[in-house]
């Protein structure tokens, strides 16, 4: 899988079957498009794949994307979404970070990504955090 190769492509709406995906996928696509590098912009397919994987995946995002490590995911984010990478000042797990941004937009105070409750490593990702 060659996710790190940028493909310049115009921002496109979600595909016609968007009704079949959760609202969170659409919201993540919007967020990722807002922070996409330009030029070269990441492909819309990459953006949609990242969004869908965040919502539907059941492991850490780098694992669900079949990347070799979290460092490889950090490289992907720095290359294709540099402003998001810059916002992630505490090096938070990416799925957690992206959902936290969505929750902040929606004024939701308690927020977790969809698969966090099922994760064996929940304590590592969610140590007691300051209020």
N, C-alpha and C. Protein backbone atom coordinates (compact mmCIF):
# COMPACT_ATOMS: atom_id res chain seq x y z
N UNK A 1 0.85 -1.16 0.00
CA UNK A 1 0.00 0.00 0.00
C UNK A 1 0.90 1.23 0.00
N UNK A 2 0.68 2.13 -0.93
CA UNK A 2 1.55 3.28 -1.07
C UNK A 2 0.80 4.55 -0.67
N UNK A 3 0.44 4.65 0.61
CA UNK A 3 -0.32 5.79 1.08
C UNK A 3 0.49 7.08 1.10
N UNK A 4 1.80 6.97 1.11
CA UNK A 4 2.63 8.16 1.25
C UNK A 4 2.86 8.89 -0.06
N UNK A 5 2.46 8.33 -1.19
CA UNK A 5 2.63 9.01 -2.47
C UNK A 5 1.47 9.96 -2.69
N UNK A 6 1.71 11.28 -2.68
CA UNK A 6 0.61 12.22 -2.87
C UNK A 6 0.10 12.22 -4.31
N UNK A 7 -1.20 12.31 -4.44
CA UNK A 7 -1.84 12.43 -5.75
C UNK A 7 -2.67 13.70 -5.72
N UNK A 8 -2.25 14.70 -6.48
CA UNK A 8 -3.00 15.95 -6.49
C UNK A 8 -4.37 15.71 -7.08
N UNK A 9 -5.39 16.14 -6.37
CA UNK A 9 -6.76 15.93 -6.83
C UNK A 9 -7.64 16.98 -6.17
N UNK A 10 -8.62 17.48 -6.90
CA UNK A 10 -9.51 18.50 -6.36
C UNK A 10 -10.37 17.91 -5.26
N UNK A 11 -10.78 18.75 -4.34
CA UNK A 11 -11.67 18.31 -3.28
C UNK A 11 -13.01 17.93 -3.88
N UNK A 12 -13.47 16.75 -3.52
CA UNK A 12 -14.73 16.23 -4.06
C UNK A 12 -15.66 15.91 -2.90
N UNK A 13 -16.96 15.92 -3.14
CA UNK A 13 -17.88 15.52 -2.09
C UNK A 13 -17.78 14.02 -1.85
N UNK A 14 -18.40 13.56 -0.78
CA UNK A 14 -18.43 12.13 -0.53
C UNK A 14 -19.13 11.42 -1.68
N UNK A 15 -18.82 10.15 -1.89
CA UNK A 15 -19.43 9.41 -2.99
C UNK A 15 -20.94 9.28 -2.80
N UNK A 16 -21.66 8.89 -3.88
CA UNK A 16 -23.12 8.79 -3.81
C UNK A 16 -23.62 7.87 -2.70
N UNK A 17 -22.84 6.86 -2.32
CA UNK A 17 -23.29 5.95 -1.27
C UNK A 17 -22.99 6.51 0.12
N UNK A 18 -22.78 7.81 0.24
CA UNK A 18 -22.45 8.43 1.52
C UNK A 18 -23.53 8.20 2.56
N UNK A 19 -24.76 7.95 2.14
CA UNK A 19 -25.83 7.68 3.08
C UNK A 19 -25.55 6.41 3.88
N UNK A 20 -24.69 5.54 3.34
CA UNK A 20 -24.40 4.27 3.99
C UNK A 20 -23.30 4.37 5.04
N UNK A 21 -22.68 5.52 5.17
CA UNK A 21 -21.60 5.69 6.14
C UNK A 21 -22.05 6.62 7.25
N UNK A 22 -21.48 6.44 8.43
CA UNK A 22 -21.87 7.29 9.56
C UNK A 22 -21.54 8.76 9.31
N UNK A 23 -22.25 9.63 10.00
CA UNK A 23 -22.00 11.07 9.91
C UNK A 23 -20.57 11.40 10.26
N UNK A 24 -19.98 10.63 11.18
CA UNK A 24 -18.60 10.90 11.59
C UNK A 24 -17.63 10.80 10.42
N UNK A 25 -17.90 9.89 9.47
CA UNK A 25 -17.02 9.76 8.30
C UNK A 25 -17.06 11.07 7.52
N UNK A 26 -18.24 11.56 7.27
CA UNK A 26 -18.38 12.82 6.54
C UNK A 26 -17.66 13.95 7.29
N UNK A 27 -17.86 14.01 8.60
CA UNK A 27 -17.23 15.06 9.41
C UNK A 27 -15.71 14.96 9.35
N UNK A 28 -15.18 13.74 9.38
CA UNK A 28 -13.73 13.55 9.28
C UNK A 28 -13.22 13.94 7.91
N UNK A 29 -13.97 13.62 6.86
CA UNK A 29 -13.57 14.02 5.50
C UNK A 29 -13.47 15.53 5.42
N UNK A 30 -14.45 16.22 5.97
CA UNK A 30 -14.43 17.69 5.97
C UNK A 30 -13.20 18.19 6.73
N UNK A 31 -12.96 17.65 7.91
CA UNK A 31 -11.81 18.06 8.72
C UNK A 31 -10.49 17.80 7.98
N UNK A 32 -10.33 16.62 7.42
CA UNK A 32 -9.10 16.29 6.70
C UNK A 32 -8.92 17.17 5.47
N UNK A 33 -9.98 17.45 4.76
CA UNK A 33 -9.88 18.35 3.60
C UNK A 33 -9.45 19.75 4.03
N UNK A 34 -9.93 20.21 5.17
CA UNK A 34 -9.55 21.54 5.67
C UNK A 34 -8.07 21.63 5.98
N UNK A 35 -7.47 20.50 6.34
CA UNK A 35 -6.07 20.50 6.75
C UNK A 35 -5.14 19.84 5.73
N UNK A 36 -5.66 19.56 4.55
CA UNK A 36 -4.85 18.89 3.52
C UNK A 36 -3.74 19.80 3.02
N UNK A 37 -2.58 19.22 2.81
CA UNK A 37 -1.44 19.97 2.26
C UNK A 37 -1.77 20.44 0.86
N UNK A 38 -1.19 21.56 0.50
CA UNK A 38 -1.41 22.06 -0.85
C UNK A 38 -0.22 22.90 -1.26
N UNK A 39 0.29 22.71 -2.45
CA UNK A 39 0.34 21.44 -3.15
C UNK A 39 1.46 20.57 -2.61
N UNK A 40 1.55 19.36 -2.90
CA UNK A 40 0.51 18.55 -3.54
C UNK A 40 -0.51 18.09 -2.52
N UNK A 41 -1.75 18.15 -2.87
CA UNK A 41 -2.82 17.73 -1.98
C UNK A 41 -2.92 16.21 -1.96
N UNK A 42 -3.30 15.65 -0.82
CA UNK A 42 -3.53 14.20 -0.79
C UNK A 42 -4.75 13.87 -1.64
N UNK A 43 -4.80 12.66 -2.15
CA UNK A 43 -5.94 12.28 -2.97
C UNK A 43 -7.20 12.21 -2.13
N UNK A 44 -8.32 12.44 -2.77
CA UNK A 44 -9.60 12.32 -2.07
C UNK A 44 -9.80 10.89 -1.60
N UNK A 45 -9.28 9.93 -2.35
CA UNK A 45 -9.39 8.52 -1.96
C UNK A 45 -8.65 8.29 -0.63
N UNK A 46 -7.48 8.89 -0.46
CA UNK A 46 -6.74 8.76 0.80
C UNK A 46 -7.53 9.38 1.94
N UNK A 47 -8.07 10.56 1.72
CA UNK A 47 -8.85 11.24 2.76
C UNK A 47 -10.05 10.40 3.17
N UNK A 48 -10.79 9.89 2.21
CA UNK A 48 -11.96 9.07 2.50
C UNK A 48 -11.57 7.77 3.19
N UNK A 49 -10.45 7.18 2.77
CA UNK A 49 -9.98 5.94 3.38
C UNK A 49 -9.59 6.17 4.85
N UNK A 50 -8.88 7.26 5.11
CA UNK A 50 -8.52 7.60 6.49
C UNK A 50 -9.76 7.80 7.35
N UNK A 51 -10.72 8.55 6.83
CA UNK A 51 -11.94 8.83 7.58
C UNK A 51 -12.72 7.55 7.87
N UNK A 52 -12.90 6.72 6.86
CA UNK A 52 -13.64 5.47 7.03
C UNK A 52 -12.91 4.54 8.01
N UNK A 53 -11.61 4.51 7.92
CA UNK A 53 -10.83 3.64 8.80
C UNK A 53 -10.90 4.11 10.24
N UNK A 54 -10.90 5.42 10.45
CA UNK A 54 -11.05 5.96 11.81
C UNK A 54 -12.36 5.50 12.44
N UNK A 55 -13.42 5.50 11.66
CA UNK A 55 -14.74 5.17 12.18
C UNK A 55 -14.96 3.67 12.26
N UNK A 56 -14.56 2.94 11.24
CA UNK A 56 -14.88 1.52 11.17
C UNK A 56 -13.79 0.60 11.71
N UNK A 57 -12.57 1.12 11.87
CA UNK A 57 -11.47 0.28 12.35
C UNK A 57 -11.63 -0.07 13.82
N UNK A 58 -11.02 -1.18 14.22
CA UNK A 58 -11.15 -1.64 15.60
C UNK A 58 -9.82 -1.70 16.34
N UNK A 59 -8.75 -1.25 15.69
CA UNK A 59 -7.44 -1.24 16.34
C UNK A 59 -6.90 0.18 16.27
N UNK A 60 -5.63 0.33 16.59
CA UNK A 60 -5.00 1.64 16.41
C UNK A 60 -5.05 1.98 14.93
N UNK A 61 -5.14 3.26 14.63
CA UNK A 61 -5.29 3.69 13.24
C UNK A 61 -4.16 3.18 12.36
N UNK A 62 -2.92 3.23 12.83
CA UNK A 62 -1.80 2.78 12.00
C UNK A 62 -1.93 1.29 11.69
N UNK A 63 -2.47 0.51 12.62
CA UNK A 63 -2.67 -0.92 12.38
C UNK A 63 -3.79 -1.15 11.37
N UNK A 64 -4.90 -0.43 11.55
CA UNK A 64 -6.03 -0.58 10.62
C UNK A 64 -5.67 -0.12 9.20
N UNK A 65 -4.72 0.78 9.08
CA UNK A 65 -4.25 1.24 7.77
C UNK A 65 -3.17 0.32 7.20
N UNK A 66 -2.80 -0.69 7.96
CA UNK A 66 -1.76 -1.66 7.55
C UNK A 66 -0.41 -0.98 7.35
N UNK A 67 -0.13 0.00 8.21
CA UNK A 67 1.18 0.64 8.21
C UNK A 67 2.09 -0.13 9.17
N UNK A 68 3.39 0.06 9.05
CA UNK A 68 4.32 -0.72 9.86
C UNK A 68 4.46 -0.21 11.28
N UNK A 69 4.10 1.05 11.53
CA UNK A 69 4.27 1.61 12.86
C UNK A 69 3.50 2.92 13.00
N UNK A 70 3.40 3.37 14.23
CA UNK A 70 2.79 4.67 14.49
C UNK A 70 3.65 5.78 13.88
N UNK A 71 4.96 5.57 13.85
CA UNK A 71 5.86 6.55 13.24
C UNK A 71 5.54 6.73 11.76
N UNK A 72 5.18 5.66 11.08
CA UNK A 72 4.82 5.77 9.67
C UNK A 72 3.53 6.56 9.50
N UNK A 73 2.58 6.38 10.42
CA UNK A 73 1.36 7.18 10.38
C UNK A 73 1.68 8.64 10.66
N UNK A 74 2.57 8.91 11.61
CA UNK A 74 2.99 10.30 11.88
C UNK A 74 3.60 10.93 10.63
N UNK A 75 4.39 10.17 9.90
CA UNK A 75 4.99 10.67 8.65
C UNK A 75 3.91 10.98 7.62
N UNK A 76 2.93 10.09 7.50
CA UNK A 76 1.82 10.30 6.57
C UNK A 76 1.07 11.58 6.92
N UNK A 77 0.78 11.76 8.21
CA UNK A 77 0.04 12.95 8.64
C UNK A 77 0.86 14.21 8.42
N UNK A 78 2.16 14.16 8.72
CA UNK A 78 3.02 15.33 8.52
C UNK A 78 3.11 15.71 7.05
N UNK A 79 3.13 14.71 6.18
CA UNK A 79 3.25 14.96 4.74
C UNK A 79 1.95 15.50 4.15
N UNK A 80 0.85 14.87 4.49
CA UNK A 80 -0.43 15.18 3.83
C UNK A 80 -1.33 16.14 4.62
N UNK A 81 -1.10 16.24 5.94
CA UNK A 81 -1.95 17.08 6.79
C UNK A 81 -1.06 17.82 7.80
N UNK A 82 -0.15 18.67 7.29
CA UNK A 82 0.83 19.30 8.18
C UNK A 82 0.22 20.18 9.26
N UNK A 83 -0.90 20.82 8.99
CA UNK A 83 -1.49 21.67 10.03
C UNK A 83 -2.10 20.82 11.15
N UNK A 84 -2.64 19.65 10.82
CA UNK A 84 -3.12 18.74 11.86
C UNK A 84 -1.95 18.23 12.69
N UNK A 85 -0.85 17.89 12.01
CA UNK A 85 0.34 17.41 12.71
C UNK A 85 0.83 18.49 13.68
N UNK A 86 0.81 19.74 13.24
CA UNK A 86 1.24 20.84 14.09
C UNK A 86 0.30 21.05 15.28
N UNK A 87 -0.98 20.81 15.08
CA UNK A 87 -1.95 20.96 16.18
C UNK A 87 -1.82 19.85 17.22
N UNK A 88 -1.30 18.72 16.83
CA UNK A 88 -1.18 17.57 17.73
C UNK A 88 0.09 17.72 18.58
N UNK A 89 0.13 18.77 19.38
CA UNK A 89 1.34 19.13 20.12
C UNK A 89 1.71 18.13 21.20
N UNK A 90 0.76 17.34 21.67
CA UNK A 90 1.04 16.35 22.71
C UNK A 90 1.25 14.95 22.14
N UNK A 91 1.39 14.86 20.81
CA UNK A 91 1.61 13.57 20.15
C UNK A 91 0.54 12.55 20.55
N UNK A 92 -0.70 13.01 20.61
CA UNK A 92 -1.83 12.16 20.96
C UNK A 92 -2.04 11.11 19.87
N UNK A 93 -2.59 9.98 20.21
CA UNK A 93 -2.93 8.96 19.22
C UNK A 93 -3.85 9.61 18.19
N UNK A 94 -3.63 9.30 16.92
CA UNK A 94 -4.31 10.03 15.85
C UNK A 94 -5.82 9.87 15.86
N UNK A 95 -6.30 8.68 16.05
CA UNK A 95 -7.75 8.49 16.05
C UNK A 95 -8.37 9.30 17.20
N UNK A 96 -7.77 9.21 18.36
CA UNK A 96 -8.24 9.96 19.53
C UNK A 96 -8.19 11.46 19.24
N UNK A 97 -7.10 11.92 18.65
CA UNK A 97 -6.93 13.34 18.36
C UNK A 97 -7.99 13.83 17.37
N UNK A 98 -8.20 13.10 16.30
CA UNK A 98 -9.17 13.51 15.28
C UNK A 98 -10.59 13.57 15.86
N UNK A 99 -10.95 12.57 16.65
CA UNK A 99 -12.28 12.59 17.24
C UNK A 99 -12.41 13.69 18.28
N UNK A 100 -11.33 13.99 18.98
CA UNK A 100 -11.37 15.09 19.94
C UNK A 100 -11.64 16.41 19.21
N UNK A 101 -11.02 16.60 18.04
CA UNK A 101 -11.28 17.82 17.26
C UNK A 101 -12.74 17.89 16.83
N UNK A 102 -13.29 16.76 16.39
CA UNK A 102 -14.70 16.74 16.00
C UNK A 102 -15.60 17.06 17.19
N UNK A 103 -15.28 16.50 18.34
CA UNK A 103 -16.09 16.77 19.54
C UNK A 103 -16.01 18.23 19.95
N UNK A 104 -14.82 18.82 19.84
CA UNK A 104 -14.69 20.25 20.16
C UNK A 104 -15.56 21.09 19.24
N UNK A 105 -15.61 20.72 17.96
CA UNK A 105 -16.46 21.46 17.02
C UNK A 105 -17.93 21.37 17.40
N UNK A 106 -18.32 20.21 17.94
CA UNK A 106 -19.72 19.98 18.27
C UNK A 106 -20.03 20.34 19.73
N UNK A 107 -19.05 20.91 20.43
CA UNK A 107 -19.21 21.26 21.85
C UNK A 107 -19.59 20.06 22.71
N UNK A 108 -19.01 18.89 22.37
CA UNK A 108 -19.22 17.69 23.17
C UNK A 108 -18.05 17.60 24.14
N UNK A 109 -18.35 17.47 25.43
CA UNK A 109 -17.30 17.51 26.44
C UNK A 109 -16.57 16.18 26.63
N UNK A 110 -17.29 15.06 26.60
CA UNK A 110 -16.67 13.75 26.76
C UNK A 110 -16.68 13.06 25.41
N UNK A 111 -15.49 12.67 24.97
CA UNK A 111 -15.38 12.20 23.59
C UNK A 111 -14.38 11.06 23.49
N UNK A 112 -14.77 10.01 22.80
CA UNK A 112 -13.86 8.90 22.47
C UNK A 112 -14.15 8.45 21.06
N UNK A 113 -13.16 7.90 20.41
CA UNK A 113 -13.38 7.37 19.08
C UNK A 113 -14.23 6.10 19.19
N UNK A 114 -14.88 5.68 18.11
CA UNK A 114 -15.85 4.59 18.17
C UNK A 114 -15.33 3.26 18.71
N UNK A 115 -14.08 2.95 18.50
CA UNK A 115 -13.58 1.64 18.91
C UNK A 115 -12.80 1.65 20.21
N UNK A 116 -12.69 2.79 20.87
CA UNK A 116 -11.85 2.88 22.06
C UNK A 116 -12.34 2.00 23.21
N UNK A 117 -13.62 1.86 23.37
CA UNK A 117 -14.12 1.07 24.48
C UNK A 117 -13.77 -0.41 24.34
N UNK A 118 -13.50 -0.87 23.12
CA UNK A 118 -13.17 -2.27 22.87
C UNK A 118 -11.67 -2.54 22.88
N UNK A 119 -10.85 -1.52 23.02
CA UNK A 119 -9.40 -1.66 22.87
C UNK A 119 -8.74 -2.20 24.13
N UNK A 120 -7.80 -3.13 23.94
CA UNK A 120 -7.03 -3.68 25.06
C UNK A 120 -6.04 -2.68 25.62
N UNK A 121 -5.70 -1.63 24.87
CA UNK A 121 -4.71 -0.66 25.29
C UNK A 121 -5.34 0.65 25.74
N UNK A 122 -6.58 0.60 26.17
CA UNK A 122 -7.30 1.81 26.55
C UNK A 122 -6.56 2.59 27.64
N UNK A 123 -5.96 1.91 28.61
CA UNK A 123 -5.25 2.61 29.68
C UNK A 123 -4.05 3.40 29.16
N UNK A 124 -3.40 2.91 28.11
CA UNK A 124 -2.26 3.62 27.54
C UNK A 124 -2.70 4.89 26.80
N UNK A 125 -3.83 4.83 26.14
CA UNK A 125 -4.32 5.98 25.38
C UNK A 125 -5.08 6.99 26.24
N UNK A 126 -5.69 6.50 27.31
CA UNK A 126 -6.52 7.36 28.14
C UNK A 126 -6.07 7.30 29.60
N UNK A 127 -4.81 7.69 29.86
CA UNK A 127 -4.42 7.78 31.28
C UNK A 127 -5.22 8.92 31.89
N UNK A 128 -5.23 9.00 33.20
CA UNK A 128 -6.00 10.10 33.79
C UNK A 128 -5.45 11.41 33.25
N UNK A 129 -6.37 12.17 32.69
CA UNK A 129 -6.02 13.42 32.03
C UNK A 129 -6.48 14.60 32.87
N UNK A 130 -5.74 15.70 32.83
CA UNK A 130 -6.21 16.89 33.56
C UNK A 130 -7.51 17.40 32.96
N UNK A 131 -8.34 18.00 33.81
CA UNK A 131 -9.62 18.53 33.32
C UNK A 131 -9.47 19.70 32.44
